[in-house]
Amino acid sequence: MEKDIKESTPRPVRLEKLADYQKGIVASRTIINKKTGTVTFFSFDKGQGLSEHVAPFGALVYIADGEALITISQKRYRLKKGETIILPAGAPHSLKAAKRFKMLLVMIKS
């Protein structure tokens, strides 16, 4: 796994190395955490997911590896490596690993 990322010391990193797959769990790593938004990298083992929830802010999901099933306002999407989707503010959504997958979540709060 990549070492800590610090905004004060920029350097190139490989996204897929930020959170390793772990059997039976969802792992995450916060990259940026500010009042104005967050950037978090996740890895999901096959069959794992996040149950339906609502966020007060919009977000962008980028699939860095694998395949995810993402449901937004009861509409289901299958995303594969290299694809992205917007999660609108206030829209109920859930995620599940069709195959294990890794994603970058960018949430903008203002």
N, C-alpha and C. Protein backbone atom coordinates (compact mmCIF):
# COMPACT_ATOMS: atom_id res chain seq x y z
N MET A 1 0.84 -1.17 0.00
CA MET A 1 0.00 0.00 0.00
C MET A 1 0.89 1.24 0.00
N GLU A 2 0.42 2.30 -0.68
CA GLU A 2 1.15 3.57 -0.72
C GLU A 2 1.28 4.14 0.69
N LYS A 3 2.36 4.84 0.94
CA LYS A 3 2.54 5.53 2.22
C LYS A 3 1.60 6.71 2.29
N ASP A 4 1.56 7.37 3.44
CA ASP A 4 0.68 8.52 3.63
C ASP A 4 0.85 9.54 2.52
N ILE A 5 -0.27 10.13 2.13
CA ILE A 5 -0.28 11.20 1.14
C ILE A 5 -0.50 12.48 1.91
N LYS A 6 0.36 13.44 1.69
CA LYS A 6 0.23 14.73 2.37
C LYS A 6 0.16 15.82 1.31
N GLU A 7 -0.80 16.72 1.48
CA GLU A 7 -0.95 17.82 0.53
C GLU A 7 0.30 18.68 0.46
N SER A 8 1.03 18.77 1.56
CA SER A 8 2.21 19.64 1.60
C SER A 8 3.41 19.05 0.86
N THR A 9 3.36 17.75 0.55
CA THR A 9 4.47 17.12 -0.17
C THR A 9 3.91 16.34 -1.38
N PRO A 10 3.56 17.07 -2.45
CA PRO A 10 2.98 16.40 -3.62
C PRO A 10 3.92 15.37 -4.23
N ARG A 11 3.35 14.28 -4.68
CA ARG A 11 4.09 13.25 -5.40
C ARG A 11 3.10 12.36 -6.11
N PRO A 12 3.49 11.77 -7.21
CA PRO A 12 2.57 10.88 -7.92
C PRO A 12 2.33 9.59 -7.13
N VAL A 13 1.09 9.11 -7.16
CA VAL A 13 0.74 7.84 -6.54
C VAL A 13 -0.19 7.08 -7.48
N ARG A 14 -0.28 5.80 -7.30
CA ARG A 14 -1.22 4.97 -8.07
C ARG A 14 -2.46 4.77 -7.22
N LEU A 15 -3.60 5.26 -7.71
CA LEU A 15 -4.86 5.16 -6.95
C LEU A 15 -5.12 3.76 -6.43
N GLU A 16 -4.97 2.77 -7.30
CA GLU A 16 -5.35 1.41 -6.90
C GLU A 16 -4.49 0.86 -5.77
N LYS A 17 -3.40 1.53 -5.44
CA LYS A 17 -2.54 1.08 -4.34
C LYS A 17 -2.90 1.71 -3.00
N LEU A 18 -3.88 2.63 -2.99
CA LEU A 18 -4.21 3.35 -1.76
C LEU A 18 -5.00 2.52 -0.75
N ALA A 19 -5.75 1.52 -1.21
CA ALA A 19 -6.50 0.64 -0.30
C ALA A 19 -6.49 -0.76 -0.89
N ASP A 20 -5.85 -1.68 -0.21
CA ASP A 20 -5.78 -3.06 -0.69
C ASP A 20 -7.10 -3.79 -0.46
N TYR A 21 -7.38 -4.77 -1.32
CA TYR A 21 -8.54 -5.63 -1.09
C TYR A 21 -8.31 -6.45 0.18
N GLN A 22 -9.37 -6.60 0.96
CA GLN A 22 -9.31 -7.42 2.15
C GLN A 22 -10.55 -8.31 2.18
N LYS A 23 -10.35 -9.56 2.47
CA LYS A 23 -11.43 -10.54 2.42
C LYS A 23 -12.61 -10.14 3.32
N GLY A 24 -13.78 -10.03 2.71
CA GLY A 24 -15.02 -9.81 3.44
C GLY A 24 -15.26 -8.42 3.98
N ILE A 25 -14.47 -7.43 3.55
CA ILE A 25 -14.69 -6.09 4.10
C ILE A 25 -14.62 -5.00 3.03
N VAL A 26 -15.05 -3.83 3.46
CA VAL A 26 -14.88 -2.59 2.70
C VAL A 26 -13.79 -1.81 3.41
N ALA A 27 -12.73 -1.48 2.69
CA ALA A 27 -11.64 -0.69 3.27
C ALA A 27 -11.68 0.70 2.64
N SER A 28 -11.29 1.70 3.42
CA SER A 28 -11.27 3.06 2.88
C SER A 28 -10.06 3.82 3.38
N ARG A 29 -9.72 4.85 2.63
CA ARG A 29 -8.60 5.70 3.00
C ARG A 29 -8.94 7.13 2.59
N THR A 30 -9.01 8.01 3.56
CA THR A 30 -9.29 9.41 3.29
C THR A 30 -8.02 10.07 2.79
N ILE A 31 -8.14 10.75 1.65
CA ILE A 31 -7.00 11.42 1.03
C ILE A 31 -7.03 12.91 1.38
N ILE A 32 -8.21 13.52 1.26
CA ILE A 32 -8.40 14.92 1.61
C ILE A 32 -9.66 15.02 2.46
N ASN A 33 -9.59 15.77 3.55
CA ASN A 33 -10.74 15.96 4.43
C ASN A 33 -10.79 17.44 4.83
N LYS A 34 -11.63 18.19 4.13
CA LYS A 34 -11.75 19.64 4.37
C LYS A 34 -13.21 19.98 4.63
N LYS A 35 -13.45 21.18 5.15
CA LYS A 35 -14.83 21.65 5.34
C LYS A 35 -15.56 21.72 4.01
N THR A 36 -14.85 21.97 2.94
CA THR A 36 -15.47 22.13 1.62
C THR A 36 -15.65 20.83 0.85
N GLY A 37 -15.07 19.74 1.33
CA GLY A 37 -15.25 18.47 0.65
C GLY A 37 -14.24 17.42 1.07
N THR A 38 -14.47 16.22 0.60
CA THR A 38 -13.58 15.10 0.91
C THR A 38 -13.25 14.30 -0.35
N VAL A 39 -12.11 13.64 -0.30
CA VAL A 39 -11.70 12.69 -1.33
C VAL A 39 -11.32 11.42 -0.58
N THR A 40 -12.00 10.32 -0.91
CA THR A 40 -11.77 9.05 -0.20
C THR A 40 -11.64 7.93 -1.22
N PHE A 41 -10.70 7.03 -0.97
CA PHE A 41 -10.51 5.87 -1.84
C PHE A 41 -11.00 4.63 -1.09
N PHE A 42 -11.77 3.78 -1.78
CA PHE A 42 -12.36 2.58 -1.18
C PHE A 42 -11.96 1.34 -1.96
N SER A 43 -11.91 0.21 -1.25
CA SER A 43 -11.85 -1.10 -1.90
C SER A 43 -12.96 -1.97 -1.29
N PHE A 44 -13.68 -2.66 -2.15
CA PHE A 44 -14.80 -3.52 -1.74
C PHE A 44 -14.51 -4.95 -2.17
N ASP A 45 -14.55 -5.88 -1.24
CA ASP A 45 -14.44 -7.29 -1.62
C ASP A 45 -15.74 -7.70 -2.30
N LYS A 46 -15.70 -8.74 -3.12
CA LYS A 46 -16.90 -9.21 -3.83
C LYS A 46 -18.04 -9.45 -2.84
N GLY A 47 -19.24 -8.92 -3.20
CA GLY A 47 -20.42 -9.10 -2.37
C GLY A 47 -20.59 -8.04 -1.28
N GLN A 48 -19.54 -7.29 -1.01
CA GLN A 48 -19.62 -6.24 0.02
C GLN A 48 -20.23 -4.98 -0.57
N GLY A 49 -20.72 -4.09 0.29
CA GLY A 49 -21.30 -2.87 -0.23
C GLY A 49 -21.63 -1.88 0.88
N LEU A 50 -22.31 -0.83 0.47
CA LEU A 50 -22.84 0.18 1.39
C LEU A 50 -24.34 0.19 1.20
N SER A 51 -25.08 0.05 2.29
CA SER A 51 -26.54 0.02 2.20
C SER A 51 -27.07 1.39 1.78
N GLU A 52 -28.32 1.42 1.38
CA GLU A 52 -28.92 2.66 0.90
C GLU A 52 -28.82 3.76 1.96
N HIS A 53 -28.41 4.92 1.50
CA HIS A 53 -28.29 6.08 2.37
C HIS A 53 -28.43 7.34 1.52
N VAL A 54 -28.54 8.48 2.18
CA VAL A 54 -28.67 9.77 1.51
C VAL A 54 -27.58 10.68 2.03
N ALA A 55 -26.96 11.42 1.13
CA ALA A 55 -25.95 12.41 1.52
C ALA A 55 -26.48 13.80 1.14
N PRO A 56 -26.22 14.78 1.98
CA PRO A 56 -26.72 16.13 1.70
C PRO A 56 -25.92 16.85 0.61
N PHE A 57 -24.84 16.22 0.12
CA PHE A 57 -23.97 16.85 -0.87
C PHE A 57 -23.81 15.94 -2.07
N GLY A 58 -23.58 16.52 -3.24
CA GLY A 58 -23.32 15.74 -4.43
C GLY A 58 -21.94 15.11 -4.36
N ALA A 59 -21.76 14.04 -5.13
CA ALA A 59 -20.47 13.34 -5.14
C ALA A 59 -20.22 12.74 -6.52
N LEU A 60 -18.96 12.50 -6.79
CA LEU A 60 -18.53 11.84 -8.01
C LEU A 60 -17.87 10.53 -7.60
N VAL A 61 -18.24 9.45 -8.28
CA VAL A 61 -17.63 8.14 -8.05
C VAL A 61 -16.86 7.76 -9.32
N TYR A 62 -15.60 7.39 -9.16
CA TYR A 62 -14.77 6.90 -10.26
C TYR A 62 -14.34 5.48 -9.93
N ILE A 63 -14.64 4.54 -10.81
CA ILE A 63 -14.26 3.14 -10.59
C ILE A 63 -12.83 2.93 -11.09
N ALA A 64 -11.93 2.64 -10.18
CA ALA A 64 -10.51 2.47 -10.51
C ALA A 64 -10.15 1.03 -10.85
N ASP A 65 -11.00 0.08 -10.42
CA ASP A 65 -10.73 -1.33 -10.67
C ASP A 65 -12.01 -2.11 -10.42
N GLY A 66 -12.23 -3.20 -11.16
CA GLY A 66 -13.34 -4.09 -10.89
C GLY A 66 -14.67 -3.62 -11.46
N GLU A 67 -15.74 -4.03 -10.76
CA GLU A 67 -17.10 -3.79 -11.24
C GLU A 67 -18.06 -3.58 -10.08
N ALA A 68 -18.84 -2.49 -10.15
CA ALA A 68 -19.75 -2.12 -9.07
C ALA A 68 -21.18 -2.02 -9.56
N LEU A 69 -22.11 -2.36 -8.69
CA LEU A 69 -23.53 -2.11 -8.92
C LEU A 69 -23.90 -0.92 -8.04
N ILE A 70 -24.33 0.16 -8.67
CA ILE A 70 -24.69 1.37 -7.94
C ILE A 70 -26.14 1.68 -8.23
N THR A 71 -26.92 1.82 -7.17
CA THR A 71 -28.33 2.15 -7.30
C THR A 71 -28.52 3.58 -6.82
N ILE A 72 -29.15 4.40 -7.69
CA ILE A 72 -29.42 5.79 -7.37
C ILE A 72 -30.90 6.03 -7.61
N SER A 73 -31.60 6.42 -6.57
CA SER A 73 -33.06 6.67 -6.67
C SER A 73 -33.76 5.51 -7.36
N GLN A 74 -33.44 4.31 -6.95
CA GLN A 74 -34.03 3.04 -7.39
C GLN A 74 -33.67 2.65 -8.82
N LYS A 75 -32.76 3.36 -9.48
CA LYS A 75 -32.28 2.97 -10.80
C LYS A 75 -30.89 2.37 -10.64
N ARG A 76 -30.71 1.18 -11.24
CA ARG A 76 -29.46 0.44 -11.07
C ARG A 76 -28.51 0.67 -12.24
N TYR A 77 -27.22 0.86 -11.89
CA TYR A 77 -26.17 1.06 -12.89
C TYR A 77 -25.05 0.06 -12.61
N ARG A 78 -24.48 -0.48 -13.66
CA ARG A 78 -23.31 -1.36 -13.54
C ARG A 78 -22.12 -0.60 -14.10
N LEU A 79 -21.17 -0.28 -13.24
CA LEU A 79 -19.99 0.48 -13.66
C LEU A 79 -18.77 -0.41 -13.61
N LYS A 80 -17.90 -0.20 -14.60
CA LYS A 80 -16.66 -0.96 -14.70
C LYS A 80 -15.47 -0.02 -14.64
N LYS A 81 -14.30 -0.60 -14.50
CA LYS A 81 -13.05 0.15 -14.42
C LYS A 81 -13.02 1.27 -15.47
N GLY A 82 -12.68 2.47 -15.00
CA GLY A 82 -12.57 3.61 -15.89
C GLY A 82 -13.83 4.43 -16.04
N GLU A 83 -14.96 3.96 -15.49
CA GLU A 83 -16.22 4.70 -15.61
C GLU A 83 -16.49 5.51 -14.35
N THR A 84 -17.33 6.53 -14.51
CA THR A 84 -17.66 7.42 -13.41
C THR A 84 -19.15 7.74 -13.43
N ILE A 85 -19.68 8.15 -12.29
CA ILE A 85 -21.09 8.53 -12.19
C ILE A 85 -21.22 9.58 -11.09
N ILE A 86 -22.22 10.43 -11.23
CA ILE A 86 -22.51 11.45 -10.24
C ILE A 86 -23.60 10.93 -9.30
N LEU A 87 -23.40 11.12 -8.00
CA LEU A 87 -24.42 10.84 -7.00
C LEU A 87 -25.02 12.20 -6.61
N PRO A 88 -26.25 12.49 -7.07
CA PRO A 88 -26.83 13.80 -6.76
C PRO A 88 -27.11 13.98 -5.26
N ALA A 89 -26.96 15.20 -4.78
CA ALA A 89 -27.28 15.52 -3.39
C ALA A 89 -28.72 15.13 -3.10
N GLY A 90 -28.94 14.48 -1.96
CA GLY A 90 -30.28 14.11 -1.52
C GLY A 90 -30.87 12.87 -2.18
N ALA A 91 -30.18 12.27 -3.14
CA ALA A 91 -30.70 11.07 -3.82
C ALA A 91 -30.30 9.82 -3.05
N PRO A 92 -31.26 8.96 -2.70
CA PRO A 92 -30.91 7.70 -2.03
C PRO A 92 -30.03 6.86 -2.96
N HIS A 93 -28.97 6.29 -2.41
CA HIS A 93 -28.08 5.47 -3.23
C HIS A 93 -27.43 4.36 -2.39
N SER A 94 -27.03 3.31 -3.09
CA SER A 94 -26.33 2.19 -2.46
C SER A 94 -25.29 1.67 -3.45
N LEU A 95 -24.32 0.92 -2.91
CA LEU A 95 -23.27 0.34 -3.75
C LEU A 95 -23.06 -1.11 -3.34
N LYS A 96 -22.77 -1.95 -4.34
CA LYS A 96 -22.46 -3.35 -4.06
C LYS A 96 -21.42 -3.83 -5.07
N ALA A 97 -20.53 -4.68 -4.61
CA ALA A 97 -19.47 -5.21 -5.47
C ALA A 97 -19.98 -6.40 -6.27
N ALA A 98 -20.22 -6.20 -7.58
CA ALA A 98 -20.55 -7.31 -8.47
C ALA A 98 -19.33 -8.22 -8.57
N LYS A 99 -18.18 -7.60 -8.69
CA LYS A 99 -16.86 -8.20 -8.57
C LYS A 99 -16.16 -7.27 -7.60
N ARG A 100 -15.09 -7.70 -7.00
CA ARG A 100 -14.42 -6.76 -6.11
C ARG A 100 -14.05 -5.52 -6.93
N PHE A 101 -14.13 -4.37 -6.26
CA PHE A 101 -13.83 -3.14 -6.98
C PHE A 101 -13.21 -2.09 -6.06
N LYS A 102 -12.58 -1.10 -6.70
CA LYS A 102 -12.00 0.03 -6.00
C LYS A 102 -12.57 1.29 -6.61
N MET A 103 -12.84 2.29 -5.75
CA MET A 103 -13.41 3.53 -6.26
C MET A 103 -12.84 4.73 -5.54
N LEU A 104 -12.85 5.85 -6.25
CA LEU A 104 -12.50 7.13 -5.70
C LEU A 104 -13.81 7.91 -5.53
N LEU A 105 -14.06 8.41 -4.34
CA LEU A 105 -15.26 9.20 -4.05
C LEU A 105 -14.83 10.64 -3.77
N VAL A 106 -15.36 11.56 -4.57
CA VAL A 106 -15.09 12.98 -4.39
C VAL A 106 -16.40 13.65 -4.01
N MET A 107 -16.48 14.16 -2.77
CA MET A 107 -17.69 14.83 -2.30
C MET A 107 -17.40 16.30 -2.12
N ILE A 108 -18.24 17.12 -2.76
CA ILE A 108 -18.10 18.57 -2.69
C ILE A 108 -19.20 19.11 -1.77
N LYS A 109 -18.79 19.82 -0.73
CA LYS A 109 -19.77 20.32 0.25
C LYS A 109 -20.15 21.78 0.05
N SER A 110 -19.46 22.48 -0.82
CA SER A 110 -19.83 23.88 -1.07
C SER A 110 -19.55 24.26 -2.50
